[in-house]
Amino acid sequence: MQKKVIVFIDGFNLYHAIKDQRTYHKYKWLDLSKLASLYVTKNERIVDILYFTALATWNQSKVKKHKLFIKANEFRGVRTIYGVFKKRDKYCNLCKRRYQTFEEKQTDVNIAIQLFKLSIENKYDKAIIISGDSDLLPSIDAVRKTFPSKQIGVIIPIGRRAEALKQACDFYMKMKEKHLFSSTFDQKIKINQNEYLECPPSWR
Protein backbone atom coordinates (compact mmCIF):
# COMPACT_ATOMS: atom_id res chain seq x y z
CA MET A 1 0.00 0.00 0.00
CA GLN A 2 1.40 3.39 -1.01
CA LYS A 3 2.27 5.92 1.67
CA LYS A 4 0.30 9.16 1.57
CA VAL A 5 2.59 12.18 1.19
CA ILE A 6 1.83 15.87 1.64
CA VAL A 7 4.37 18.45 0.51
CA PHE A 8 4.63 21.76 2.37
CA ILE A 9 6.44 24.49 0.39
CA ASP A 10 7.81 27.58 2.11
CA GLY A 11 7.35 29.88 -0.86
CA PHE A 12 9.66 32.74 0.05
CA ASN A 13 12.42 30.52 1.39
CA LEU A 14 12.47 28.71 -1.94
CA TYR A 15 12.06 31.90 -3.98
CA HIS A 16 14.96 33.69 -2.32
CA ALA A 17 17.22 30.65 -2.71
CA ILE A 18 16.62 30.94 -6.47
CA LYS A 19 16.69 34.75 -6.56
CA ASP A 20 19.98 35.05 -4.66
CA GLN A 21 21.91 33.30 -7.42
CA ARG A 22 21.55 35.07 -10.77
CA THR A 23 22.20 31.92 -12.80
CA TYR A 24 19.12 30.35 -11.18
CA HIS A 25 16.72 33.16 -12.18
CA LYS A 26 15.60 31.16 -15.21
CA TYR A 27 14.03 28.67 -12.77
CA LYS A 28 11.55 31.14 -11.26
CA TRP A 29 8.82 29.81 -13.61
CA LEU A 30 8.74 26.65 -11.54
CA ASP A 31 6.26 23.79 -11.66
CA LEU A 32 5.97 23.00 -7.95
CA SER A 33 4.02 19.80 -8.59
CA LYS A 34 6.77 18.45 -10.81
CA LEU A 35 9.43 19.52 -8.32
CA ALA A 36 7.62 17.77 -5.47
CA SER A 37 7.31 14.57 -7.49
CA LEU A 38 11.11 14.27 -7.63
CA TYR A 39 11.28 13.58 -3.91
CA VAL A 40 8.87 10.66 -3.62
CA THR A 41 9.37 6.98 -4.38
CA LYS A 42 7.22 4.58 -6.39
CA ASN A 43 5.81 3.31 -3.08
CA GLU A 44 4.47 6.77 -2.21
CA ARG A 45 1.83 9.05 -3.66
CA ILE A 46 1.42 12.78 -3.22
CA VAL A 47 -2.08 13.54 -1.97
CA ASP A 48 -1.65 17.30 -1.53
CA ILE A 49 0.85 20.10 -2.16
CA LEU A 50 0.56 23.25 -0.06
CA TYR A 51 2.31 26.44 -1.16
CA PHE A 52 2.71 29.06 1.58
CA THR A 53 3.26 32.63 0.42
CA ALA A 54 2.13 36.28 0.62
CA LEU A 55 1.53 39.02 -1.93
CA ALA A 56 3.77 42.11 -1.98
CA THR A 57 0.77 44.42 -2.39
CA TRP A 58 2.84 47.63 -2.46
CA ASN A 59 4.41 46.53 -5.77
CA GLN A 60 1.76 45.73 -8.36
CA SER A 61 4.29 44.55 -10.93
CA LYS A 62 5.51 41.86 -8.52
CA VAL A 63 1.94 40.98 -7.55
CA LYS A 64 0.98 40.47 -11.20
CA LYS A 65 3.87 38.04 -11.79
CA HIS A 66 3.26 36.28 -8.49
CA LYS A 67 -0.45 35.79 -9.22
CA LEU A 68 0.45 34.40 -12.63
CA PHE A 69 2.83 31.92 -10.96
CA ILE A 70 0.17 30.95 -8.43
CA LYS A 71 -2.45 30.44 -11.14
CA ALA A 72 -0.10 28.21 -13.13
CA ASN A 73 0.61 26.07 -10.09
CA GLU A 74 -3.02 25.92 -8.95
CA PHE A 75 -3.82 24.62 -12.43
CA ARG A 76 -1.41 21.77 -11.58
CA GLY A 77 -3.26 21.04 -8.32
CA VAL A 78 -1.16 23.04 -5.84
CA ARG A 79 -3.10 24.71 -3.02
CA THR A 80 -2.06 28.19 -1.91
CA ILE A 81 -2.16 29.34 1.72
CA TYR A 82 -1.57 33.06 2.20
CA GLY A 83 0.29 34.94 4.87
CA VAL A 84 0.77 38.72 4.95
CA PHE A 85 3.47 41.35 4.77
CA LYS A 86 3.76 43.80 7.65
CA LYS A 87 5.68 47.05 7.94
CA ARG A 88 8.73 46.95 10.17
CA ASP A 89 11.07 49.69 11.37
CA LYS A 90 14.77 49.10 10.83
CA TYR A 91 17.87 51.09 11.64
CA CYS A 92 20.60 51.80 9.08
CA ASN A 93 24.05 51.80 10.66
CA LEU A 94 25.54 53.59 7.66
CA CYS A 95 23.15 56.54 7.44
CA LYS A 96 22.20 56.45 11.15
CA ARG A 97 18.52 56.67 10.37
CA ARG A 98 15.43 54.53 10.82
CA TYR A 99 13.46 53.41 7.81
CA GLN A 100 10.44 51.25 7.07
CA THR A 101 10.52 47.97 5.23
CA PHE A 102 8.16 45.05 4.73
CA GLU A 103 8.55 41.66 6.35
CA GLU A 104 6.63 38.52 5.44
CA LYS A 105 4.68 37.07 8.37
CA GLN A 106 2.64 33.96 9.18
CA THR A 107 4.28 31.43 6.84
CA ASP A 108 5.98 29.45 9.61
CA VAL A 109 2.79 29.62 11.72
CA ASN A 110 0.63 28.53 8.78
CA ILE A 111 2.95 25.62 8.01
CA ALA A 112 2.90 24.60 11.69
CA ILE A 113 -0.91 24.70 11.82
CA GLN A 114 -1.34 22.66 8.65
CA LEU A 115 1.39 20.18 9.58
CA PHE A 116 -0.34 19.45 12.89
CA LYS A 117 -3.94 19.67 11.63
CA LEU A 118 -3.40 17.28 8.73
CA SER A 119 -1.55 14.89 11.00
CA ILE A 120 -4.49 14.83 13.45
CA GLU A 121 -6.80 14.15 10.50
CA ASN A 122 -4.45 11.36 9.35
CA LYS A 123 -4.18 12.92 5.91
CA TYR A 124 -0.56 11.87 5.47
CA ASP A 125 1.91 9.19 6.45
CA LYS A 126 4.85 11.30 5.39
CA ALA A 127 5.32 15.07 5.28
CA ILE A 128 7.94 16.69 3.07
CA ILE A 129 8.81 20.30 3.89
CA ILE A 130 10.65 22.38 1.31
CA SER A 131 12.36 25.03 3.43
CA GLY A 132 15.56 25.94 5.20
CA ASP A 133 13.86 28.01 7.91
CA SER A 134 14.79 26.98 11.45
CA ASP A 135 11.62 28.67 12.78
CA LEU A 136 9.86 25.44 11.79
CA LEU A 137 11.79 23.39 14.36
CA PRO A 138 9.20 23.62 17.21
CA SER A 139 6.33 22.47 15.01
CA ILE A 140 8.35 19.60 13.53
CA ASP A 141 9.38 18.50 17.00
CA ALA A 142 5.78 18.70 18.27
CA VAL A 143 4.37 16.58 15.45
CA ARG A 144 7.13 13.96 15.72
CA LYS A 145 6.55 13.58 19.47
CA THR A 146 2.76 13.51 19.19
CA PHE A 147 2.59 11.26 16.12
CA PRO A 148 5.75 9.13 16.16
CA SER A 149 4.49 6.95 13.30
CA LYS A 150 4.48 9.94 10.93
CA GLN A 151 7.64 10.64 8.95
CA ILE A 152 8.76 14.23 8.48
CA GLY A 153 11.53 15.17 6.10
CA VAL A 154 13.00 18.37 4.73
CA ILE A 155 14.18 19.36 1.26
CA ILE A 156 16.75 22.11 1.68
CA PRO A 157 16.46 24.75 -1.07
CA ILE A 158 19.39 25.09 -3.41
CA GLY A 159 22.41 26.89 -1.97
CA ARG A 160 21.06 26.85 1.58
CA ARG A 161 22.36 25.20 4.74
CA ALA A 162 19.99 24.00 7.44
CA GLU A 163 21.89 21.84 9.90
CA ALA A 164 19.32 22.14 12.69
CA LEU A 165 16.46 21.12 10.39
CA LYS A 166 18.45 18.17 9.08
CA GLN A 167 18.96 16.89 12.61
CA ALA A 168 15.32 17.45 13.61
CA CYS A 169 13.78 15.43 10.76
CA ASP A 170 13.57 11.76 9.88
CA PHE A 171 15.32 12.40 6.59
CA TYR A 172 16.59 15.24 4.43
CA MET A 173 17.64 15.89 0.85
CA LYS A 174 19.35 18.83 -0.80
CA MET A 175 17.78 20.51 -3.79
CA LYS A 176 20.09 20.55 -6.81
CA GLU A 177 20.09 22.51 -10.03
CA LYS A 178 19.09 19.41 -12.00
CA HIS A 179 15.87 19.31 -9.94
CA LEU A 180 15.03 22.90 -10.91
CA PHE A 181 16.01 22.33 -14.54
CA SER A 182 13.64 19.38 -14.89
CA SER A 183 10.78 21.17 -13.10
CA THR A 184 10.33 24.40 -15.03
CA PHE A 185 7.10 25.02 -16.91
CA ASP A 186 7.05 25.44 -20.67
CA GLN A 187 7.20 29.16 -21.47
CA LYS A 188 3.53 29.05 -22.48
CA ILE A 189 0.98 26.86 -20.68
CA LYS A 190 -2.46 26.09 -22.10
CA ILE A 191 -5.00 25.92 -19.27
CA ASN A 192 -8.18 25.79 -21.36
CA GLN A 193 -9.37 26.15 -24.94
CA ASN A 194 -8.87 29.92 -25.06
CA GLU A 195 -6.46 30.73 -22.24
CA TYR A 196 -2.70 30.50 -21.96
CA LEU A 197 -0.33 31.49 -19.18
CA GLU A 198 3.05 32.78 -20.26
CA CYS A 199 6.30 33.06 -18.35
CA PRO A 200 7.08 36.73 -17.52
CA PRO A 201 9.85 38.04 -19.82
CA SER A 202 12.03 39.03 -16.85
CA TRP A 203 12.09 35.39 -15.65
CA ARG A 204 13.50 33.95 -18.87
C-alpha atoms as a PDB file:
ATOM      1  CA  MET A   1       0.000   0.000   0.000  1.00  0.00           C
ATOM      2  CA  GLN A   2       1.400   3.390  -1.013  1.00  0.00           C
ATOM      3  CA  LYS A   3       2.265   5.920   1.668  1.00  0.00           C
ATOM      4  CA  LYS A   4       0.303   9.164   1.571  1.00  0.00           C
ATOM      5  CA  VAL A   5       2.592  12.176   1.193  1.00  0.00           C
ATOM      6  CA  ILE A   6       1.825  15.874   1.644  1.00  0.00           C
ATOM      7  CA  VAL A   7       4.372  18.448   0.510  1.00  0.00           C
ATOM      8  CA  PHE A   8       4.631  21.765   2.370  1.00  0.00           C
ATOM      9  CA  ILE A   9       6.436  24.489   0.393  1.00  0.00           C
ATOM     10  CA  ASP A  10       7.815  27.581   2.108  1.00  0.00           C
ATOM     11  CA  GLY A  11       7.353  29.882  -0.864  1.00  0.00           C
ATOM     12  CA  PHE A  12       9.657  32.743   0.055  1.00  0.00           C
ATOM     13  CA  ASN A  13      12.416  30.518   1.386  1.00  0.00           C
ATOM     14  CA  LEU A  14      12.467  28.706  -1.943  1.00  0.00           C
ATOM     15  CA  TYR A  15      12.063  31.897  -3.980  1.00  0.00           C
ATOM     16  CA  HIS A  16      14.965  33.689  -2.324  1.00  0.00           C
ATOM     17  CA  ALA A  17      17.220  30.649  -2.706  1.00  0.00           C
ATOM     18  CA  ILE A  18      16.615  30.944  -6.471  1.00  0.00           C
ATOM     19  CA  LYS A  19      16.688  34.748  -6.558  1.00  0.00           C
ATOM     20  CA  ASP A  20      19.982  35.053  -4.662  1.00  0.00           C
ATOM     21  CA  GLN A  21      21.915  33.303  -7.417  1.00  0.00           C
ATOM     22  CA  ARG A  22      21.549  35.071 -10.772  1.00  0.00           C
ATOM     23  CA  THR A  23      22.203  31.920 -12.805  1.00  0.00           C
ATOM     24  CA  TYR A  24      19.117  30.351 -11.183  1.00  0.00           C
ATOM     25  CA  HIS A  25      16.722  33.163 -12.177  1.00  0.00           C
ATOM     26  CA  LYS A  26      15.598  31.155 -15.208  1.00  0.00           C
ATOM     27  CA  TYR A  27      14.032  28.673 -12.772  1.00  0.00           C
ATOM     28  CA  LYS A  28      11.552  31.137 -11.257  1.00  0.00           C
ATOM     29  CA  TRP A  29       8.822  29.805 -13.609  1.00  0.00           C
ATOM     30  CA  LEU A  30       8.743  26.652 -11.543  1.00  0.00           C
ATOM     31  CA  ASP A  31       6.264  23.790 -11.659  1.00  0.00           C
ATOM     32  CA  LEU A  32       5.966  22.998  -7.946  1.00  0.00           C
ATOM     33  CA  SER A  33       4.022  19.804  -8.592  1.00  0.00           C
ATOM     34  CA  LYS A  34       6.768  18.451 -10.813  1.00  0.00           C
ATOM     35  CA  LEU A  35       9.433  19.523  -8.325  1.00  0.00           C
ATOM     36  CA  ALA A  36       7.621  17.769  -5.470  1.00  0.00           C
ATOM     37  CA  SER A  37       7.313  14.568  -7.493  1.00  0.00           C
ATOM     38  CA  LEU A  38      11.111  14.269  -7.632  1.00  0.00           C
ATOM     39  CA  TYR A  39      11.281  13.580  -3.907  1.00  0.00           C
ATOM     40  CA  VAL A  40       8.873  10.662  -3.618  1.00  0.00           C
ATOM     41  CA  THR A  41       9.368   6.976  -4.381  1.00  0.00           C
ATOM     42  CA  LYS A  42       7.220   4.577  -6.386  1.00  0.00           C
ATOM     43  CA  ASN A  43       5.815   3.306  -3.077  1.00  0.00           C
ATOM     44  CA  GLU A  44       4.475   6.766  -2.209  1.00  0.00           C
ATOM     45  CA  ARG A  45       1.832   9.047  -3.660  1.00  0.00           C
ATOM     46  CA  ILE A  46       1.419  12.779  -3.217  1.00  0.00           C
ATOM     47  CA  VAL A  47      -2.083  13.537  -1.969  1.00  0.00           C
ATOM     48  CA  ASP A  48      -1.650  17.301  -1.531  1.00  0.00           C
ATOM     49  CA  ILE A  49       0.851  20.103  -2.163  1.00  0.00           C
ATOM     50  CA  LEU A  50       0.556  23.254  -0.063  1.00  0.00           C
ATOM     51  CA  TYR A  51       2.306  26.438  -1.159  1.00  0.00           C
ATOM     52  CA  PHE A  52       2.713  29.059   1.576  1.00  0.00           C
ATOM     53  CA  THR A  53       3.257  32.627   0.425  1.00  0.00           C
ATOM     54  CA  ALA A  54       2.131  36.283   0.619  1.00  0.00           C
ATOM     55  CA  LEU A  55       1.530  39.023  -1.932  1.00  0.00           C
ATOM     56  CA  ALA A  56       3.771  42.110  -1.985  1.00  0.00           C
ATOM     57  CA  THR A  57       0.774  44.419  -2.386  1.00  0.00           C
ATOM     58  CA  TRP A  58       2.844  47.634  -2.459  1.00  0.00           C
ATOM     59  CA  ASN A  59       4.411  46.532  -5.768  1.00  0.00           C
ATOM     60  CA  GLN A  60       1.757  45.725  -8.360  1.00  0.00           C
ATOM     61  CA  SER A  61       4.294  44.550 -10.926  1.00  0.00           C
ATOM     62  CA  LYS A  62       5.508  41.858  -8.519  1.00  0.00           C
ATOM     63  CA  VAL A  63       1.940  40.976  -7.546  1.00  0.00           C
ATOM     64  CA  LYS A  64       0.983  40.468 -11.197  1.00  0.00           C
ATOM     65  CA  LYS A  65       3.869  38.037 -11.787  1.00  0.00           C
ATOM     66  CA  HIS A  66       3.262  36.285  -8.491  1.00  0.00           C
ATOM     67  CA  LYS A  67      -0.447  35.787  -9.216  1.00  0.00           C
ATOM     68  CA  LEU A  68       0.454  34.396 -12.629  1.00  0.00           C
ATOM     69  CA  PHE A  69       2.831  31.923 -10.965  1.00  0.00           C
ATOM     70  CA  ILE A  70       0.173  30.948  -8.428  1.00  0.00           C
ATOM     71  CA  LYS A  71      -2.449  30.442 -11.138  1.00  0.00           C
ATOM     72  CA  ALA A  72      -0.105  28.206 -13.133  1.00  0.00           C
ATOM     73  CA  ASN A  73       0.608  26.069 -10.092  1.00  0.00           C
ATOM     74  CA  GLU A  74      -3.015  25.922  -8.946  1.00  0.00           C
ATOM     75  CA  PHE A  75      -3.819  24.616 -12.427  1.00  0.00           C
ATOM     76  CA  ARG A  76      -1.407  21.770 -11.578  1.00  0.00           C
ATOM     77  CA  GLY A  77      -3.256  21.040  -8.320  1.00  0.00           C
ATOM     78  CA  VAL A  78      -1.164  23.040  -5.844  1.00  0.00           C
ATOM     79  CA  ARG A  79      -3.099  24.709  -3.017  1.00  0.00           C
ATOM     80  CA  THR A  80      -2.065  28.189  -1.908  1.00  0.00           C
ATOM     81  CA  ILE A  81      -2.157  29.339   1.725  1.00  0.00           C
ATOM     82  CA  TYR A  82      -1.569  33.062   2.201  1.00  0.00           C
ATOM     83  CA  GLY A  83       0.291  34.938   4.872  1.00  0.00           C
ATOM     84  CA  VAL A  84       0.775  38.718   4.946  1.00  0.00           C
ATOM     85  CA  PHE A  85       3.474  41.347   4.773  1.00  0.00           C
ATOM     86  CA  LYS A  86       3.765  43.801   7.652  1.00  0.00           C
ATOM     87  CA  LYS A  87       5.682  47.051   7.942  1.00  0.00           C
ATOM     88  CA  ARG A  88       8.729  46.954  10.168  1.00  0.00           C
ATOM     89  CA  ASP A  89      11.068  49.694  11.369  1.00  0.00           C
ATOM     90  CA  LYS A  90      14.771  49.102  10.828  1.00  0.00           C
ATOM     91  CA  TYR A  91      17.872  51.092  11.637  1.00  0.00           C
ATOM     92  CA  CYS A  92      20.602  51.798   9.080  1.00  0.00           C
ATOM     93  CA  ASN A  93      24.054  51.795  10.665  1.00  0.00           C
ATOM     94  CA  LEU A  94      25.540  53.591   7.658  1.00  0.00           C
ATOM     95  CA  CYS A  95      23.147  56.544   7.441  1.00  0.00           C
ATOM     96  CA  LYS A  96      22.196  56.448  11.145  1.00  0.00           C
ATOM     97  CA  ARG A  97      18.520  56.673  10.374  1.00  0.00           C
ATOM     98  CA  ARG A  98      15.433  54.529  10.823  1.00  0.00           C
ATOM     99  CA  TYR A  99      13.461  53.410   7.809  1.00  0.00           C
ATOM    100  CA  GLN A 100      10.437  51.250   7.075  1.00  0.00           C
ATOM    101  CA  THR A 101      10.520  47.970   5.229  1.00  0.00           C
ATOM    102  CA  PHE A 102       8.156  45.050   4.734  1.00  0.00           C
ATOM    103  CA  GLU A 103       8.545  41.657   6.352  1.00  0.00           C
ATOM    104  CA  GLU A 104       6.628  38.521   5.444  1.00  0.00           C
ATOM    105  CA  LYS A 105       4.679  37.074   8.365  1.00  0.00           C
ATOM    106  CA  GLN A 106       2.645  33.958   9.185  1.00  0.00           C
ATOM    107  CA  THR A 107       4.282  31.435   6.843  1.00  0.00           C
ATOM    108  CA  ASP A 108       5.981  29.454   9.615  1.00  0.00           C
ATOM    109  CA  VAL A 109       2.791  29.619  11.717  1.00  0.00           C
ATOM    110  CA  ASN A 110       0.635  28.533   8.780  1.00  0.00           C
ATOM    111  CA  ILE A 111       2.951  25.623   8.012  1.00  0.00           C
ATOM    112  CA  ALA A 112       2.900  24.600  11.685  1.00  0.00           C
ATOM    113  CA  ILE A 113      -0.914  24.697  11.816  1.00  0.00           C
ATOM    114  CA  GLN A 114      -1.335  22.655   8.647  1.00  0.00           C
ATOM    115  CA  LEU A 115       1.392  20.177   9.585  1.00  0.00           C
ATOM    116  CA  PHE A 116      -0.342  19.448  12.889  1.00  0.00           C
ATOM    117  CA  LYS A 117      -3.945  19.669  11.634  1.00  0.00           C
ATOM    118  CA  LEU A 118      -3.399  17.281   8.726  1.00  0.00           C
ATOM    119  CA  SER A 119      -1.546  14.890  10.996  1.00  0.00           C
ATOM    120  CA  ILE A 120      -4.490  14.828  13.445  1.00  0.00           C
ATOM    121  CA  GLU A 121      -6.795  14.155  10.505  1.00  0.00           C
ATOM    122  CA  ASN A 122      -4.449  11.364   9.354  1.00  0.00           C
ATOM    123  CA  LYS A 123      -4.180  12.919   5.912  1.00  0.00           C
ATOM    124  CA  TYR A 124      -0.555  11.874   5.474  1.00  0.00           C
ATOM    125  CA  ASP A 125       1.911   9.192   6.448  1.00  0.00           C
ATOM    126  CA  LYS A 126       4.846  11.296   5.394  1.00  0.00           C
ATOM    127  CA  ALA A 127       5.319  15.070   5.278  1.00  0.00           C
ATOM    128  CA  ILE A 128       7.935  16.690   3.067  1.00  0.00           C
ATOM    129  CA  ILE A 129       8.809  20.299   3.888  1.00  0.00           C
ATOM    130  CA  ILE A 130      10.649  22.377   1.307  1.00  0.00           C
ATOM    131  CA  SER A 131      12.360  25.031   3.426  1.00  0.00           C
ATOM    132  CA  GLY A 132      15.561  25.944   5.204  1.00  0.00           C
ATOM    133  CA  ASP A 133      13.856  28.010   7.910  1.00  0.00           C
ATOM    134  CA  SER A 134      14.790  26.976  11.451  1.00  0.00           C
ATOM    135  CA  ASP A 135      11.622  28.669  12.779  1.00  0.00           C
ATOM    136  CA  LEU A 136       9.862  25.444  11.793  1.00  0.00           C
ATOM    137  CA  LEU A 137      11.786  23.394  14.363  1.00  0.00           C
ATOM    138  CA  PRO A 138       9.204  23.616  17.210  1.00  0.00           C
ATOM    139  CA  SER A 139       6.331  22.470  15.007  1.00  0.00           C
ATOM    140  CA  ILE A 140       8.347  19.603  13.534  1.00  0.00           C
ATOM    141  CA  ASP A 141       9.378  18.502  17.004  1.00  0.00           C
ATOM    142  CA  ALA A 142       5.783  18.700  18.275  1.00  0.00           C
ATOM    143  CA  VAL A 143       4.369  16.578  15.452  1.00  0.00           C
ATOM    144  CA  ARG A 144       7.128  13.963  15.716  1.00  0.00           C
ATOM    145  CA  LYS A 145       6.547  13.582  19.465  1.00  0.00           C
ATOM    146  CA  THR A 146       2.755  13.508  19.190  1.00  0.00           C
ATOM    147  CA  PHE A 147       2.587  11.264  16.118  1.00  0.00           C
ATOM    148  CA  PRO A 148       5.747   9.129  16.157  1.00  0.00           C
ATOM    149  CA  SER A 149       4.492   6.950  13.299  1.00  0.00           C
ATOM    150  CA  LYS A 150       4.483   9.943  10.934  1.00  0.00           C
ATOM    151  CA  GLN A 151       7.635  10.644   8.954  1.00  0.00           C
ATOM    152  CA  ILE A 152       8.762  14.231   8.478  1.00  0.00           C
ATOM    153  CA  GLY A 153      11.531  15.169   6.096  1.00  0.00           C
ATOM    154  CA  VAL A 154      13.004  18.367   4.729  1.00  0.00           C
ATOM    155  CA  ILE A 155      14.178  19.361   1.264  1.00  0.00           C
ATOM    156  CA  ILE A 156      16.747  22.112   1.681  1.00  0.00           C
ATOM    157  CA  PRO A 157      16.457  24.751  -1.065  1.00  0.00           C
ATOM    158  CA  ILE A 158      19.391  25.094  -3.411  1.00  0.00           C
ATOM    159  CA  GLY A 159      22.407  26.892  -1.973  1.00  0.00           C
ATOM    160  CA  ARG A 160      21.056  26.849   1.579  1.00  0.00           C
ATOM    161  CA  ARG A 161      22.357  25.199   4.735  1.00  0.00           C
ATOM    162  CA  ALA A 162      19.986  24.000   7.441  1.00  0.00           C
ATOM    163  CA  GLU A 163      21.891  21.840   9.902  1.00  0.00           C
ATOM    164  CA  ALA A 164      19.317  22.137  12.694  1.00  0.00           C
ATOM    165  CA  LEU A 165      16.463  21.121  10.392  1.00  0.00           C
ATOM    166  CA  LYS A 166      18.453  18.173   9.077  1.00  0.00           C
ATOM    167  CA  GLN A 167      18.958  16.889  12.606  1.00  0.00           C
ATOM    168  CA  ALA A 168      15.318  17.454  13.612  1.00  0.00           C
ATOM    169  CA  CYS A 169      13.777  15.430  10.762  1.00  0.00           C
ATOM    170  CA  ASP A 170      13.568  11.758   9.883  1.00  0.00           C
ATOM    171  CA  PHE A 171      15.318  12.400   6.590  1.00  0.00           C
ATOM    172  CA  TYR A 172      16.595  15.243   4.432  1.00  0.00           C
ATOM    173  CA  MET A 173      17.639  15.892   0.848  1.00  0.00           C
ATOM    174  CA  LYS A 174      19.348  18.831  -0.804  1.00  0.00           C
ATOM    175  CA  MET A 175      17.779  20.509  -3.792  1.00  0.00           C
ATOM    176  CA  LYS A 176      20.087  20.549  -6.808  1.00  0.00           C
ATOM    177  CA  GLU A 177      20.086  22.512 -10.027  1.00  0.00           C
ATOM    178  CA  LYS A 178      19.088  19.410 -12.003  1.00  0.00           C
ATOM    179  CA  HIS A 179      15.865  19.313  -9.944  1.00  0.00           C
ATOM    180  CA  LEU A 180      15.033  22.903 -10.909  1.00  0.00           C
ATOM    181  CA  PHE A 181      16.009  22.332 -14.537  1.00  0.00           C
ATOM    182  CA  SER A 182      13.641  19.375 -14.894  1.00  0.00           C
ATOM    183  CA  SER A 183      10.777  21.173 -13.096  1.00  0.00           C
ATOM    184  CA  THR A 184      10.327  24.398 -15.029  1.00  0.00           C
ATOM    185  CA  PHE A 185       7.101  25.024 -16.909  1.00  0.00           C
ATOM    186  CA  ASP A 186       7.053  25.442 -20.673  1.00  0.00           C
ATOM    187  CA  GLN A 187       7.199  29.159 -21.465  1.00  0.00           C
ATOM    188  CA  LYS A 188       3.527  29.053 -22.479  1.00  0.00           C
ATOM    189  CA  ILE A 189       0.977  26.857 -20.681  1.00  0.00           C
ATOM    190  CA  LYS A 190      -2.460  26.090 -22.098  1.00  0.00           C
ATOM    191  CA  ILE A 191      -5.004  25.919 -19.271  1.00  0.00           C
ATOM    192  CA  ASN A 192      -8.183  25.794 -21.356  1.00  0.00           C
ATOM    193  CA  GLN A 193      -9.365  26.146 -24.936  1.00  0.00           C
ATOM    194  CA  ASN A 194      -8.873  29.916 -25.059  1.00  0.00           C
ATOM    195  CA  GLU A 195      -6.457  30.733 -22.241  1.00  0.00           C
ATOM    196  CA  TYR A 196      -2.700  30.498 -21.963  1.00  0.00           C
ATOM    197  CA  LEU A 197      -0.330  31.493 -19.178  1.00  0.00           C
ATOM    198  CA  GLU A 198       3.052  32.775 -20.264  1.00  0.00           C
ATOM    199  CA  CYS A 199       6.303  33.063 -18.352  1.00  0.00           C
ATOM    200  CA  PRO A 200       7.081  36.729 -17.525  1.00  0.00           C
ATOM    201  CA  PRO A 201       9.851  38.043 -19.820  1.00  0.00           C
ATOM    202  CA  SER A 202      12.029  39.029 -16.848  1.00  0.00           C
ATOM    203  CA  TRP A 203      12.091  35.390 -15.648  1.00  0.00           C
ATOM    204  CA  ARG A 204      13.498  33.948 -18.871  1.00  0.00           C
END
